[in-house]
Amino acid sequence: MLSVRSFSRIRRQQMPGFTSSSLVAGDLFMRNVPAVSTNLSICSNRSMSSSPMVEAEAEDDSHFALILGKPGGGKGTISGKILMDFPQFHHVSTGDLLRSHVRRGTKLGSEAAQFIKEGKLVADELMIDLVIEESTPFLEKGESLLLDGFPRTVVQARALEESVHVNMVVNLDIPNETIIERLTDRWIHEPSGRIYSYSYKPPKVKGIDDKTGEPLVQRHDDKPETVQARLELYDESTSPLVHYYERNGVLKSFHGTQSDVIYPEVKKWLQSTFDE
């Protein structure tokens, strides 16, 4: 049975801020917030005060899984199906976390919004802080996690490995043409996050949310020029993760254009991994 590395020696520490201006994004998130350090070498410039260790042992049957794929490649849809068939997973979507901060106008949200507006990936330090803060309570209890949207770079992957061993990686390999068509056709109801597509899931009234009657909007990162920039960034920064996890022997790629066709193969592979 593959299992998550024992998630022990988690340091709970106060983090008053970063000493380097290059880490300002993470500082915006962590200032005056109790946080968890995971001995990530990338965070060595931080000023920390020590506090007691928390010892936590992961259960033998717990797993840490990732789902990789281009933006708009169906990660959210496939994740939802996985959670229905494998309820032992807790789902962590960094995209949802970031959008929540942007909608609420937090300092982290403001910093992230600038990256998103420019079609850039959010800074590694900020993303690592966000994921560790969200994931640690579940890891401490030995629960399985399905992480969606992180890591996006090999640097992030190596930092994550400092805390947990990833033992299942689902890679969705969707053609760029399909993604561009899918995303540029997508409109949302911002307060709820409900998503509509005029090609396969249109609202009852054009431009209006079915439940509230409020207007729909198109995210900046769903506009054609932004989608193209995001795909180029993925090819440059994120696709090396496929090779990284392939070398680790934990990744399986799934090819296609429709989630309903792809998912049965994903389910079969996950089940076989659980049964090992």
C-alpha atoms as a PDB file:
ATOM      1  CA  MET A   1       0.000   0.000   0.000  1.00  0.00           C
ATOM      2  CA  LEU A   2       1.350   3.409  -0.928  1.00  0.00           C
ATOM      3  CA  SER A   3       0.896   5.867   1.875  1.00  0.00           C
ATOM      4  CA  VAL A   4       1.529   9.479   2.786  1.00  0.00           C
ATOM      5  CA  ARG A   5       4.823  10.061   4.534  1.00  0.00           C
ATOM      6  CA  SER A   6       4.275  10.489   8.258  1.00  0.00           C
ATOM      7  CA  PHE A   7       3.417  14.159   8.645  1.00  0.00           C
ATOM      8  CA  SER A   8       5.347  14.711  11.845  1.00  0.00           C
ATOM      9  CA  ARG A   9       7.471  17.496  13.222  1.00  0.00           C
ATOM     10  CA  ILE A  10       5.148  20.280  12.114  1.00  0.00           C
ATOM     11  CA  ARG A  11       6.267  23.552  13.661  1.00  0.00           C
ATOM     12  CA  ARG A  12       3.552  25.983  14.700  1.00  0.00           C
ATOM     13  CA  GLN A  13       5.144  29.403  14.692  1.00  0.00           C
ATOM     14  CA  GLN A  14       4.312  33.099  14.722  1.00  0.00           C
ATOM     15  CA  MET A  15       5.463  34.746  11.500  1.00  0.00           C
ATOM     16  CA  PRO A  16       5.802  38.532  11.933  1.00  0.00           C
ATOM     17  CA  GLY A  17       6.720  39.146   8.293  1.00  0.00           C
ATOM     18  CA  PHE A  18       9.460  38.625   5.784  1.00  0.00           C
ATOM     19  CA  THR A  19      12.834  40.283   5.925  1.00  0.00           C
ATOM     20  CA  SER A  20      13.146  40.449   2.153  1.00  0.00           C
ATOM     21  CA  SER A  21      11.013  42.640  -0.102  1.00  0.00           C
ATOM     22  CA  SER A  22      10.989  39.829  -2.648  1.00  0.00           C
ATOM     23  CA  LEU A  23       8.667  37.888  -0.330  1.00  0.00           C
ATOM     24  CA  VAL A  24       6.106  40.646   0.118  1.00  0.00           C
ATOM     25  CA  ALA A  25       3.241  38.544  -1.288  1.00  0.00           C
ATOM     26  CA  GLY A  26       3.640  35.901   1.384  1.00  0.00           C
ATOM     27  CA  ASP A  27       4.032  38.616   4.039  1.00  0.00           C
ATOM     28  CA  LEU A  28       0.685  40.104   3.111  1.00  0.00           C
ATOM     29  CA  PHE A  29      -0.938  36.774   3.815  1.00  0.00           C
ATOM     30  CA  MET A  30       0.909  35.732   6.950  1.00  0.00           C
ATOM     31  CA  ARG A  31       1.411  38.949   8.910  1.00  0.00           C
ATOM     32  CA  ASN A  32      -0.159  38.631  12.383  1.00  0.00           C
ATOM     33  CA  VAL A  33      -1.613  35.211  11.526  1.00  0.00           C
ATOM     34  CA  PRO A  34      -0.636  32.027  13.407  1.00  0.00           C
ATOM     35  CA  ALA A  35       0.861  29.796  10.777  1.00  0.00           C
ATOM     36  CA  VAL A  36       2.596  26.496  10.135  1.00  0.00           C
ATOM     37  CA  SER A  37       6.169  26.184   8.964  1.00  0.00           C
ATOM     38  CA  THR A  38       7.156  23.036   7.113  1.00  0.00           C
ATOM     39  CA  ASN A  39      10.913  23.481   7.044  1.00  0.00           C
ATOM     40  CA  LEU A  40      10.760  24.629   3.407  1.00  0.00           C
ATOM     41  CA  SER A  41      14.198  25.784   2.321  1.00  0.00           C
ATOM     42  CA  ILE A  42      12.555  28.397   0.099  1.00  0.00           C
ATOM     43  CA  CYS A  43      11.362  30.209   3.236  1.00  0.00           C
ATOM     44  CA  SER A  44      14.759  30.550   4.876  1.00  0.00           C
ATOM     45  CA  ASN A  45      14.682  34.372   4.795  1.00  0.00           C
ATOM     46  CA  ARG A  46      11.737  34.602   7.152  1.00  0.00           C
ATOM     47  CA  SER A  47      12.086  35.885  10.691  1.00  0.00           C
ATOM     48  CA  MET A  48      10.532  33.314  13.050  1.00  0.00           C
ATOM     49  CA  SER A  49      10.012  32.761  16.763  1.00  0.00           C
ATOM     50  CA  SER A  50       9.933  29.158  17.896  1.00  0.00           C
ATOM     51  CA  SER A  51       7.020  27.415  19.592  1.00  0.00           C
ATOM     52  CA  PRO A  52       6.192  23.803  20.567  1.00  0.00           C
ATOM     53  CA  MET A  53       6.292  20.993  18.046  1.00  0.00           C
ATOM     54  CA  VAL A  54       3.078  19.259  17.082  1.00  0.00           C
ATOM     55  CA  GLU A  55       3.518  15.546  16.478  1.00  0.00           C
ATOM     56  CA  ALA A  56       1.052  13.958  14.039  1.00  0.00           C
ATOM     57  CA  GLU A  57       1.128  10.521  12.487  1.00  0.00           C
ATOM     58  CA  ALA A  58      -0.652   9.853   9.166  1.00  0.00           C
ATOM     59  CA  GLU A  59      -2.809   6.754   8.951  1.00  0.00           C
ATOM     60  CA  ASP A  60      -1.462   3.851   6.894  1.00  0.00           C
ATOM     61  CA  ASP A  61      -4.294   4.146   4.362  1.00  0.00           C
ATOM     62  CA  SER A  62      -4.080   7.898   3.824  1.00  0.00           C
ATOM     63  CA  HIS A  63      -2.929   9.307   0.486  1.00  0.00           C
ATOM     64  CA  PHE A  64      -1.761  12.611  -0.918  1.00  0.00           C
ATOM     65  CA  ALA A  65      -2.917  13.048  -4.507  1.00  0.00           C
ATOM     66  CA  LEU A  66      -2.495  15.840  -7.046  1.00  0.00           C
ATOM     67  CA  ILE A  67      -4.473  16.653 -10.153  1.00  0.00           C
ATOM     68  CA  LEU A  68      -2.499  18.414 -12.886  1.00  0.00           C
ATOM     69  CA  GLY A  69      -3.644  19.970 -16.127  1.00  0.00           C
ATOM     70  CA  LYS A  70      -3.826  23.156 -18.117  1.00  0.00           C
ATOM     71  CA  PRO A  71      -6.112  25.971 -16.919  1.00  0.00           C
ATOM     72  CA  GLY A  72      -9.614  25.116 -18.083  1.00  0.00           C
ATOM     73  CA  GLY A  73      -8.642  21.488 -18.640  1.00  0.00           C
ATOM     74  CA  GLY A  74     -11.421  20.082 -16.459  1.00  0.00           C
ATOM     75  CA  LYS A  75      -9.563  19.686 -13.155  1.00  0.00           C
ATOM     76  CA  GLY A  76     -12.556  20.946 -11.162  1.00  0.00           C
ATOM     77  CA  THR A  77     -14.983  18.598 -12.914  1.00  0.00           C
ATOM     78  CA  ILE A  78     -12.747  15.559 -12.531  1.00  0.00           C
ATOM     79  CA  SER A  79     -12.017  16.474  -8.903  1.00  0.00           C
ATOM     80  CA  GLY A  80     -15.737  16.558  -8.166  1.00  0.00           C
ATOM     81  CA  LYS A  81     -16.191  13.083  -9.611  1.00  0.00           C
ATOM     82  CA  ILE A  82     -13.210  11.769  -7.631  1.00  0.00           C
ATOM     83  CA  LEU A  83     -14.651  13.140  -4.387  1.00  0.00           C
ATOM     84  CA  MET A  84     -17.964  11.395  -5.012  1.00  0.00           C
ATOM     85  CA  ASP A  85     -16.325   8.007  -5.607  1.00  0.00           C
ATOM     86  CA  PHE A  86     -13.485   8.425  -3.079  1.00  0.00           C
ATOM     87  CA  PRO A  87     -14.992  10.320  -0.100  1.00  0.00           C
ATOM     88  CA  GLN A  88     -11.855   9.722   1.960  1.00  0.00           C
ATOM     89  CA  PHE A  89     -10.289  12.660   0.083  1.00  0.00           C
ATOM     90  CA  HIS A  90     -10.483  16.247   1.267  1.00  0.00           C
ATOM     91  CA  HIS A  91     -10.303  18.584  -1.737  1.00  0.00           C
ATOM     92  CA  VAL A  92      -8.068  21.662  -1.646  1.00  0.00           C
ATOM     93  CA  SER A  93      -8.385  23.972  -4.663  1.00  0.00           C
ATOM     94  CA  THR A  94      -5.857  26.794  -4.657  1.00  0.00           C
ATOM     95  CA  GLY A  95      -7.835  28.544  -7.393  1.00  0.00           C
ATOM     96  CA  ASP A  96     -10.952  28.639  -5.198  1.00  0.00           C
ATOM     97  CA  LEU A  97      -8.903  29.840  -2.227  1.00  0.00           C
ATOM     98  CA  LEU A  98      -7.322  32.643  -4.240  1.00  0.00           C
ATOM     99  CA  ARG A  99     -10.635  33.741  -5.776  1.00  0.00           C
ATOM    100  CA  SER A 100     -12.194  33.815  -2.304  1.00  0.00           C
ATOM    101  CA  HIS A 101      -9.453  36.159  -1.118  1.00  0.00           C
ATOM    102  CA  VAL A 102      -9.866  38.335  -4.244  1.00  0.00           C
ATOM    103  CA  ARG A 103     -13.657  38.596  -3.761  1.00  0.00           C
ATOM    104  CA  ARG A 104     -13.232  39.478  -0.071  1.00  0.00           C
ATOM    105  CA  GLY A 105     -10.598  42.072  -0.883  1.00  0.00           C
ATOM    106  CA  THR A 106      -7.994  40.697   1.512  1.00  0.00           C
ATOM    107  CA  LYS A 107      -4.370  41.796   1.277  1.00  0.00           C
ATOM    108  CA  LEU A 108      -3.459  38.403  -0.184  1.00  0.00           C
ATOM    109  CA  GLY A 109      -6.324  38.748  -2.649  1.00  0.00           C
ATOM    110  CA  SER A 110      -5.093  42.143  -3.823  1.00  0.00           C
ATOM    111  CA  GLU A 111      -1.597  40.776  -4.366  1.00  0.00           C
ATOM    112  CA  ALA A 112      -2.898  37.703  -6.200  1.00  0.00           C
ATOM    113  CA  ALA A 113      -5.253  39.796  -8.341  1.00  0.00           C
ATOM    114  CA  GLN A 114      -2.330  41.688  -9.837  1.00  0.00           C
ATOM    115  CA  PHE A 115      -0.618  38.460 -10.906  1.00  0.00           C
ATOM    116  CA  ILE A 116      -3.876  37.116 -12.379  1.00  0.00           C
ATOM    117  CA  LYS A 117      -4.640  40.360 -14.226  1.00  0.00           C
ATOM    118  CA  GLU A 118      -1.253  40.168 -15.921  1.00  0.00           C
ATOM    119  CA  GLY A 119      -1.751  36.497 -16.805  1.00  0.00           C
ATOM    120  CA  LYS A 120       1.132  35.469 -14.536  1.00  0.00           C
ATOM    121  CA  LEU A 121       1.501  32.690 -11.986  1.00  0.00           C
ATOM    122  CA  VAL A 122       1.185  33.772  -8.363  1.00  0.00           C
ATOM    123  CA  ALA A 123       4.550  33.914  -6.531  1.00  0.00           C
ATOM    124  CA  ASP A 124       5.815  30.596  -5.157  1.00  0.00           C
ATOM    125  CA  GLU A 125       6.170  31.872  -1.591  1.00  0.00           C
ATOM    126  CA  LEU A 126       2.584  33.099  -1.478  1.00  0.00           C
ATOM    127  CA  MET A 127       1.218  29.839  -2.886  1.00  0.00           C
ATOM    128  CA  ILE A 128       3.229  27.679  -0.492  1.00  0.00           C
ATOM    129  CA  ASP A 129       1.959  29.637   2.515  1.00  0.00           C
ATOM    130  CA  LEU A 130      -1.618  29.395   1.257  1.00  0.00           C
ATOM    131  CA  VAL A 131      -1.523  25.636   0.663  1.00  0.00           C
ATOM    132  CA  ILE A 132       0.253  24.726   3.884  1.00  0.00           C
ATOM    133  CA  GLU A 133      -2.100  26.876   5.966  1.00  0.00           C
ATOM    134  CA  GLU A 134      -5.133  25.202   4.375  1.00  0.00           C
ATOM    135  CA  SER A 135      -3.800  21.633   4.306  1.00  0.00           C
ATOM    136  CA  THR A 136      -2.098  21.219   7.658  1.00  0.00           C
ATOM    137  CA  PRO A 137      -5.213  20.617   9.814  1.00  0.00           C
ATOM    138  CA  PHE A 138      -6.208  17.677   7.607  1.00  0.00           C
ATOM    139  CA  LEU A 139      -2.696  16.263   7.360  1.00  0.00           C
ATOM    140  CA  GLU A 140      -2.361  16.398  11.141  1.00  0.00           C
ATOM    141  CA  LYS A 141      -5.432  14.148  11.403  1.00  0.00           C
ATOM    142  CA  GLY A 142      -4.017  11.687   8.874  1.00  0.00           C
ATOM    143  CA  GLU A 143      -6.701  12.390   6.261  1.00  0.00           C
ATOM    144  CA  SER A 144      -6.162  11.982   2.508  1.00  0.00           C
ATOM    145  CA  LEU A 145      -5.894  15.111   0.388  1.00  0.00           C
ATOM    146  CA  LEU A 146      -6.606  15.860  -3.252  1.00  0.00           C
ATOM    147  CA  LEU A 147      -4.748  19.021  -4.177  1.00  0.00           C
ATOM    148  CA  ASP A 148      -5.927  20.952  -7.238  1.00  0.00           C
ATOM    149  CA  GLY A 149      -3.925  23.869  -8.660  1.00  0.00           C
ATOM    150  CA  PHE A 150      -0.703  23.360  -6.726  1.00  0.00           C
ATOM    151  CA  PRO A 151       2.174  22.809  -7.233  1.00  0.00           C
ATOM    152  CA  ARG A 152       2.611  24.603 -10.545  1.00  0.00           C
ATOM    153  CA  THR A 153       6.387  24.559 -10.721  1.00  0.00           C
ATOM    154  CA  VAL A 154       9.111  22.044  -9.930  1.00  0.00           C
ATOM    155  CA  VAL A 155      10.390  24.416  -7.216  1.00  0.00           C
ATOM    156  CA  GLN A 156       6.974  24.245  -5.540  1.00  0.00           C
ATOM    157  CA  ALA A 157       6.872  20.459  -5.933  1.00  0.00           C
ATOM    158  CA  ARG A 158      10.211  20.047  -4.198  1.00  0.00           C
ATOM    159  CA  ALA A 159       9.093  22.385  -1.417  1.00  0.00           C
ATOM    160  CA  LEU A 160       5.888  20.384  -0.959  1.00  0.00           C
ATOM    161  CA  GLU A 161       7.922  17.190  -0.742  1.00  0.00           C
ATOM    162  CA  GLU A 162       9.588  18.633   2.355  1.00  0.00           C
ATOM    163  CA  SER A 163       6.278  18.094   4.159  1.00  0.00           C
ATOM    164  CA  VAL A 164       4.484  15.213   2.477  1.00  0.00           C
ATOM    165  CA  HIS A 165       5.139  12.507  -0.063  1.00  0.00           C
ATOM    166  CA  VAL A 166       2.841  12.749  -3.083  1.00  0.00           C
ATOM    167  CA  ASN A 167       1.935   9.210  -4.143  1.00  0.00           C
ATOM    168  CA  MET A 168      -0.768   9.746  -6.809  1.00  0.00           C
ATOM    169  CA  VAL A 169      -0.762  12.320  -9.619  1.00  0.00           C
ATOM    170  CA  VAL A 170      -3.572  12.547 -12.174  1.00  0.00           C
ATOM    171  CA  ASN A 171      -2.448  14.472 -15.269  1.00  0.00           C
ATOM    172  CA  LEU A 172      -5.195  15.693 -17.632  1.00  0.00           C
ATOM    173  CA  ASP A 173      -3.777  16.183 -21.131  1.00  0.00           C
ATOM    174  CA  ILE A 174      -6.365  18.271 -23.010  1.00  0.00           C
ATOM    175  CA  PRO A 175      -5.693  19.931 -26.417  1.00  0.00           C
ATOM    176  CA  ASN A 176      -5.145  23.695 -26.302  1.00  0.00           C
ATOM    177  CA  GLU A 177      -7.847  24.273 -28.925  1.00  0.00           C
ATOM    178  CA  THR A 178     -10.446  22.596 -26.715  1.00  0.00           C
ATOM    179  CA  ILE A 179      -9.436  24.689 -23.699  1.00  0.00           C
ATOM    180  CA  ILE A 180      -9.523  28.016 -25.537  1.00  0.00           C
ATOM    181  CA  GLU A 181     -12.989  27.269 -26.892  1.00  0.00           C
ATOM    182  CA  ARG A 182     -14.197  26.099 -23.481  1.00  0.00           C
ATOM    183  CA  LEU A 183     -12.864  28.992 -21.391  1.00  0.00           C
ATOM    184  CA  THR A 184     -13.774  31.877 -23.678  1.00  0.00           C
ATOM    185  CA  ASP A 185     -17.344  30.551 -23.661  1.00  0.00           C
ATOM    186  CA  ARG A 186     -17.508  30.527 -19.838  1.00  0.00           C
ATOM    187  CA  TRP A 187     -19.402  33.080 -17.723  1.00  0.00           C
ATOM    188  CA  ILE A 188     -19.907  33.041 -13.967  1.00  0.00           C
ATOM    189  CA  HIS A 189     -22.081  34.310 -11.147  1.00  0.00           C
ATOM    190  CA  GLU A 190     -19.323  35.798  -8.992  1.00  0.00           C
ATOM    191  CA  PRO A 191     -20.950  35.695  -5.522  1.00  0.00           C
ATOM    192  CA  SER A 192     -21.718  31.945  -5.727  1.00  0.00           C
ATOM    193  CA  GLY A 193     -19.103  30.778  -8.228  1.00  0.00           C
ATOM    194  CA  ARG A 194     -21.749  29.139 -10.454  1.00  0.00           C
ATOM    195  CA  ILE A 195     -20.367  28.609 -13.944  1.00  0.00           C
ATOM    196  CA  TYR A 196     -22.288  28.698 -17.226  1.00  0.00           C
ATOM    197  CA  SER A 197     -21.231  27.903 -20.772  1.00  0.00           C
ATOM    198  CA  TYR A 198     -23.272  28.992 -23.762  1.00  0.00           C
ATOM    199  CA  SER A 199     -22.215  25.884 -25.677  1.00  0.00           C
ATOM    200  CA  TYR A 200     -23.188  23.186 -23.168  1.00  0.00           C
ATOM    201  CA  LYS A 201     -24.662  24.733 -19.979  1.00  0.00           C
ATOM    202  CA  PRO A 202     -26.305  28.063 -20.851  1.00  0.00           C
ATOM    203  CA  PRO A 203     -28.310  30.156 -18.363  1.00  0.00           C
ATOM    204  CA  LYS A 204     -32.086  30.212 -18.822  1.00  0.00           C
ATOM    205  CA  VAL A 205     -31.840  33.931 -19.629  1.00  0.00           C
ATOM    206  CA  LYS A 206     -28.750  35.175 -21.432  1.00  0.00           C
ATOM    207  CA  GLY A 207     -26.389  36.991 -19.085  1.00  0.00           C
ATOM    208  CA  ILE A 208     -28.462  36.230 -15.965  1.00  0.00           C
ATOM    209  CA  ASP A 209     -27.862  33.771 -13.105  1.00  0.00           C
ATOM    210  CA  ASP A 210     -30.625  31.134 -12.920  1.00  0.00           C
ATOM    211  CA  LYS A 211     -31.072  31.288  -9.140  1.00  0.00           C
ATOM    212  CA  THR A 212     -30.630  34.945  -8.207  1.00  0.00           C
ATOM    213  CA  GLY A 213     -31.399  36.875 -11.386  1.00  0.00           C
ATOM    214  CA  GLU A 214     -28.101  38.721 -10.961  1.00  0.00           C
ATOM    215  CA  PRO A 215     -25.811  39.453 -13.928  1.00  0.00           C
ATOM    216  CA  LEU A 216     -23.120  37.045 -15.076  1.00  0.00           C
ATOM    217  CA  VAL A 217     -19.569  38.205 -15.743  1.00  0.00           C
ATOM    218  CA  GLN A 218     -16.587  36.850 -17.630  1.00  0.00           C
ATOM    219  CA  ARG A 219     -13.453  36.499 -15.562  1.00  0.00           C
ATOM    220  CA  HIS A 220     -10.460  38.421 -16.801  1.00  0.00           C
ATOM    221  CA  ASP A 221      -8.519  35.155 -16.972  1.00  0.00           C
ATOM    222  CA  ASP A 222     -11.199  33.634 -19.250  1.00  0.00           C
ATOM    223  CA  LYS A 223     -10.795  36.266 -21.977  1.00  0.00           C
ATOM    224  CA  PRO A 224      -9.128  34.949 -25.176  1.00  0.00           C
ATOM    225  CA  GLU A 225      -5.888  36.912 -24.890  1.00  0.00           C
ATOM    226  CA  THR A 226      -5.480  35.948 -21.227  1.00  0.00           C
ATOM    227  CA  VAL A 227      -6.251  32.278 -21.901  1.00  0.00           C
ATOM    228  CA  GLN A 228      -3.541  32.140 -24.545  1.00  0.00           C
ATOM    229  CA  ALA A 229      -1.032  33.747 -22.163  1.00  0.00           C
ATOM    230  CA  ARG A 230      -1.958  31.284 -19.402  1.00  0.00           C
ATOM    231  CA  LEU A 231      -1.476  28.294 -21.698  1.00  0.00           C
ATOM    232  CA  GLU A 232       1.935  29.568 -22.757  1.00  0.00           C
ATOM    233  CA  LEU A 233       2.905  30.013 -19.112  1.00  0.00           C
ATOM    234  CA  TYR A 234       1.700  26.493 -18.346  1.00  0.00           C
ATOM    235  CA  ASP A 235       3.848  25.008 -21.089  1.00  0.00           C
ATOM    236  CA  GLU A 236       6.849  26.934 -19.805  1.00  0.00           C
ATOM    237  CA  SER A 237       6.454  26.567 -16.040  1.00  0.00           C
ATOM    238  CA  THR A 238       4.045  23.763 -15.195  1.00  0.00           C
ATOM    239  CA  SER A 239       4.456  21.040 -17.809  1.00  0.00           C
ATOM    240  CA  PRO A 240       7.915  20.125 -16.379  1.00  0.00           C
ATOM    241  CA  LEU A 241       5.951  18.798 -13.384  1.00  0.00           C
ATOM    242  CA  VAL A 242       4.732  15.961 -15.581  1.00  0.00           C
ATOM    243  CA  HIS A 243       8.306  14.832 -16.136  1.00  0.00           C
ATOM    244  CA  TYR A 244       9.172  15.387 -12.454  1.00  0.00           C
ATOM    245  CA  TYR A 245       6.375  13.130 -11.197  1.00  0.00           C
ATOM    246  CA  GLU A 246       6.861  10.631 -14.014  1.00  0.00           C
ATOM    247  CA  ARG A 247      10.422  10.169 -12.798  1.00  0.00           C
ATOM    248  CA  ASN A 248       9.017   9.589  -9.305  1.00  0.00           C
ATOM    249  CA  GLY A 249       6.791   6.829 -10.697  1.00  0.00           C
ATOM    250  CA  VAL A 250       3.529   8.289  -9.326  1.00  0.00           C
ATOM    251  CA  LEU A 251       1.942   9.949 -12.379  1.00  0.00           C
ATOM    252  CA  LYS A 252      -0.613   8.754 -14.918  1.00  0.00           C
ATOM    253  CA  SER A 253      -1.670  10.887 -17.921  1.00  0.00           C
ATOM    254  CA  PHE A 254      -5.190  10.842 -19.352  1.00  0.00           C
ATOM    255  CA  HIS A 255      -5.877  12.173 -22.858  1.00  0.00           C
ATOM    256  CA  GLY A 256      -9.135  13.421 -24.369  1.00  0.00           C
ATOM    257  CA  THR A 257     -11.590  16.290 -24.704  1.00  0.00           C
ATOM    258  CA  GLN A 258     -14.582  15.182 -22.595  1.00  0.00           C
ATOM    259  CA  SER A 259     -14.564  14.672 -18.834  1.00  0.00           C
ATOM    260  CA  ASP A 260     -17.238  11.948 -18.964  1.00  0.00           C
ATOM    261  CA  VAL A 261     -15.018   9.913 -21.265  1.00  0.00           C
ATOM    262  CA  ILE A 262     -11.789  10.547 -19.357  1.00  0.00           C
ATOM    263  CA  TYR A 263     -13.071   9.983 -15.821  1.00  0.00           C
ATOM    264  CA  PRO A 264     -13.792   6.222 -15.952  1.00  0.00           C
ATOM    265  CA  GLU A 265     -10.115   5.663 -16.748  1.00  0.00           C
ATOM    266  CA  VAL A 266      -9.094   7.992 -13.906  1.00  0.00           C
ATOM    267  CA  LYS A 267     -11.348   6.090 -11.492  1.00  0.00           C
ATOM    268  CA  LYS A 268      -9.947   2.730 -12.571  1.00  0.00           C
ATOM    269  CA  TRP A 269      -6.354   3.899 -12.033  1.00  0.00           C
ATOM    270  CA  LEU A 270      -7.047   5.462  -8.626  1.00  0.00           C
ATOM    271  CA  GLN A 271      -8.840   2.348  -7.444  1.00  0.00           C
ATOM    272  CA  SER A 272      -5.968   0.125  -8.533  1.00  0.00           C
ATOM    273  CA  THR A 273      -3.544   2.397  -6.627  1.00  0.00           C
ATOM    274  CA  PHE A 274      -5.699   2.232  -3.487  1.00  0.00           C
ATOM    275  CA  ASP A 275      -5.793  -1.548  -3.773  1.00  0.00           C
ATOM    276  CA  GLU A 276      -2.004  -1.979  -3.965  1.00  0.00           C
END
